[in-house]
Protein backbone atom coordinates (compact mmCIF):
# COMPACT_ATOMS: atom_id res chain seq x y z
CA TRP A 1 -7.39 16.94 8.76
CA VAL A 2 -7.09 20.31 10.73
CA TYR A 3 -6.46 17.60 14.21
CA PHE A 4 -3.03 16.52 11.93
CA ARG A 5 -2.61 20.09 10.51
CA ASP A 6 -2.39 21.27 13.88
CA ASN A 7 -0.64 18.70 15.86
CA PHE A 8 1.74 17.49 13.12
CA ILE A 9 1.80 18.69 9.83
CA MET A 10 3.06 21.90 9.30
CA ASP A 11 3.45 22.84 5.78
CA GLY A 12 0.54 21.17 4.83
CA GLU A 13 2.15 17.90 3.38
CA VAL A 14 3.04 15.27 5.25
CA ASP A 15 6.17 12.87 5.61
CA ALA A 16 6.51 9.26 6.23
CA GLU A 17 6.77 9.99 9.84
CA GLU A 18 4.19 12.24 10.59
CA LEU A 19 2.08 10.21 8.56
CA GLN A 20 3.09 7.04 11.28
CA ARG A 21 2.26 9.36 13.45
CA CYS A 22 -1.16 10.47 11.87
CA LEU A 23 -2.23 6.71 11.01
CA THR A 24 -1.61 5.78 14.68
CA GLN A 25 -2.95 8.48 16.66
CA ALA A 26 -6.04 8.35 14.18
CA GLY A 27 -6.21 4.44 14.86
CA ILE A 28 -6.90 3.20 11.65
CA HIS A 29 -5.30 -0.02 12.45
CA GLY A 30 -7.57 -0.75 15.74
CA THR A 31 -6.42 -3.58 17.91
CA TYR A 32 -3.28 -4.24 15.17
CA THR A 33 -0.20 -3.37 14.45
CA PRO A 34 0.46 0.31 13.86
CA PHE A 35 2.44 0.75 10.25
CA SER A 36 5.67 0.64 9.92
CA LEU A 37 7.97 3.73 9.06
CA GLU A 38 8.64 1.88 5.81
CA THR A 39 4.83 0.79 5.12
CA CYS A 40 4.04 4.69 5.30
CA LYS A 41 7.27 5.08 3.06
CA ILE A 42 5.75 3.06 0.52
CA MET A 43 2.47 4.40 0.98
CA ILE A 44 3.25 7.59 -0.14
CA ALA A 45 5.19 6.45 -2.86
CA MET A 46 2.27 5.35 -4.03
CA LEU A 47 0.44 8.08 -4.54
CA ASP A 48 3.72 10.80 -4.56
CA LYS A 49 3.12 12.31 -8.37
CA ASP A 50 5.42 14.99 -8.26
CA TYR A 51 8.54 13.23 -6.35
CA THR A 52 8.09 15.42 -3.09
CA GLY A 53 8.31 12.31 -1.03
CA LYS A 54 5.10 14.05 1.03
CA MET A 55 1.06 13.31 0.61
CA GLY A 56 -0.72 16.56 0.43
CA PHE A 57 -4.80 16.52 1.71
CA ASN A 58 -5.88 15.09 -1.56
CA GLU A 59 -3.69 12.01 -1.34
CA PHE A 60 -4.30 11.53 2.31
CA LYS A 61 -7.84 11.39 1.39
CA GLU A 62 -7.37 8.59 -1.68
CA LEU A 63 -5.00 6.89 1.22
CA TRP A 64 -7.56 7.01 4.06
CA SER A 65 -10.37 5.62 2.01
CA ALA A 66 -8.37 2.96 0.33
CA LEU A 67 -7.46 1.86 4.14
CA ASN A 68 -11.09 1.87 5.29
CA ALA A 69 -11.64 -0.46 2.26
CA TRP A 70 -8.61 -2.41 3.03
CA LYS A 71 -9.84 -2.71 6.67
CA GLN A 72 -12.85 -3.86 5.59
CA ASN A 73 -11.95 -6.45 3.27
CA PHE A 74 -9.89 -7.68 5.91
CA LEU A 75 -12.11 -7.91 8.61
CA MET A 76 -14.10 -10.29 6.20
CA PHE A 77 -11.54 -12.97 6.93
CA ASP A 78 -10.55 -12.28 10.20
CA GLN A 79 -13.59 -14.29 11.54
CA ASP A 80 -11.97 -15.04 14.75
CA ARG A 81 -10.93 -11.43 15.20
CA SER A 82 -7.60 -13.06 16.14
CA GLY A 83 -6.36 -9.66 14.02
CA THR A 84 -4.74 -12.14 12.02
CA VAL A 85 -5.00 -14.55 8.76
CA GLU A 86 -3.71 -17.18 7.68
CA PRO A 87 -1.71 -17.50 4.29
CA HIS A 88 -5.26 -19.16 3.04
CA GLU A 89 -7.39 -16.50 3.73
CA LEU A 90 -5.18 -13.67 2.63
CA GLY A 91 -5.66 -15.24 -0.44
CA GLN A 92 -9.24 -15.53 -0.14
CA ALA A 93 -8.72 -11.64 0.74
CA ILE A 94 -6.95 -11.17 -2.56
CA ALA A 95 -9.39 -12.72 -4.36
CA SER A 96 -12.30 -11.38 -3.16
CA MET A 97 -10.30 -8.04 -4.80
CA GLY A 98 -9.80 -9.59 -7.99
CA LYS A 99 -6.47 -10.97 -8.05
CA THR A 100 -6.60 -14.29 -7.81
CA LEU A 101 -2.80 -16.36 -6.75
CA GLN A 102 -1.25 -19.55 -6.94
CA VAL A 103 -0.47 -20.74 -3.84
CA LYS A 104 4.05 -20.54 -4.91
CA THR A 105 3.00 -17.12 -4.89
CA LEU A 106 0.89 -16.97 -2.15
CA LYS A 107 3.76 -17.62 0.24
CA THR A 108 6.46 -15.35 -1.14
CA VAL A 109 3.66 -12.36 -0.43
CA VAL A 110 3.48 -13.95 3.08
CA LEU A 111 6.85 -13.83 3.19
CA ARG A 112 7.76 -10.59 2.06
CA VAL A 113 5.06 -8.65 3.95
CA SER A 114 4.87 -10.75 7.68
CA LEU A 115 7.53 -11.85 10.02
CA ASN A 116 5.12 -14.29 11.45
CA SER A 117 2.49 -16.72 9.23
CA PRO A 118 -0.26 -14.97 10.50
CA VAL A 119 -0.82 -12.05 8.23
CA ASP A 120 -1.94 -8.98 10.18
CA PHE A 121 -3.30 -5.54 9.01
CA SER A 122 -0.20 -3.65 8.31
CA ASP A 123 1.18 -6.20 6.35
CA SER A 124 -2.12 -7.17 4.56
CA SER A 125 -2.16 -3.25 3.61
CA LEU A 126 1.82 -2.77 2.75
CA TYR A 127 0.60 -5.92 0.01
CA CYS A 128 -2.45 -3.62 -1.18
CA VAL A 129 -0.34 -1.03 -1.66
CA LYS A 130 2.62 -2.69 -3.44
CA GLN A 131 0.06 -4.19 -5.91
CA GLN A 132 -1.50 -1.20 -6.35
CA THR A 133 1.73 0.58 -7.03
CA LEU A 134 2.33 -2.18 -9.43
CA ASN A 135 -0.74 -1.30 -11.37
CA VAL A 136 1.31 1.90 -12.56
CA PHE A 137 3.57 -0.53 -14.75
CA PRO A 138 0.64 -1.27 -17.61
CA ASP A 139 0.16 2.31 -17.82
CA THR A 140 3.82 3.32 -17.86
CA PHE A 141 4.18 0.67 -20.49
CA ASN A 142 1.63 1.04 -23.04
CA ARG A 143 1.82 5.04 -23.06
CA ARG A 144 6.08 4.24 -24.12
CA ASP A 145 4.81 1.09 -26.37
CA ASN A 146 3.71 3.96 -29.07
CA MET A 147 3.22 1.39 -31.75
CA HIS A 148 1.56 -1.63 -29.87
CA GLN A 149 5.01 -4.22 -30.31
CA GLY A 150 5.15 -5.38 -26.73
CA PHE A 151 8.27 -4.04 -26.40
CA VAL A 152 9.62 -0.59 -24.89
CA ASN A 153 13.08 1.00 -23.63
CA PHE A 154 14.05 2.59 -21.14
CA LEU A 155 16.19 4.36 -19.72
CA TYR A 156 17.64 3.57 -16.43
CA ASP A 157 16.93 6.35 -15.05
CA ASP A 158 13.05 6.17 -16.06
CA PHE A 159 13.16 2.66 -14.88
CA ILE A 160 14.39 3.66 -11.63
CA GLN A 161 12.01 6.38 -11.34
CA CYS A 162 8.73 3.88 -12.07
CA THR A 163 10.27 1.16 -9.46
CA MET A 164 11.24 3.06 -6.43
CA SER A 165 7.35 3.26 -5.32
CA ILE A 166 7.37 -0.44 -5.24
């Protein structure tokens, strides 16, 4: 963190461009494609509890830990070390994280996160970030469903706040 602070981060927080440079400099992507700016924005949104558009040290540590876990998972399914996984291998990687997707849904995921059919680490990380962000919705829903009726009302602003991190 000191290296990152000295070279990029002057205010103690990381914005998307600084995060992209940090992750690229640190080589978390290995030989894979570096993370896009859009993916970095979504990573920050996943952890941005105070809606500043930036990530502090603890959030960065949380992201770093998650990225390392996702990378180890990706490597298990990139058996030929090509730097990519085929859609069915991505499905296996997702299943190993406790989520089973139907073939149609998996095809949709691949189309949404990847520019080409083999999926690289950056693409699979984007899926993981979006999946983790979606996990916020049940908590938000359950907090608002006080009477356990199975439905809630959202003001439009509240709905936008919840969905902007996806």
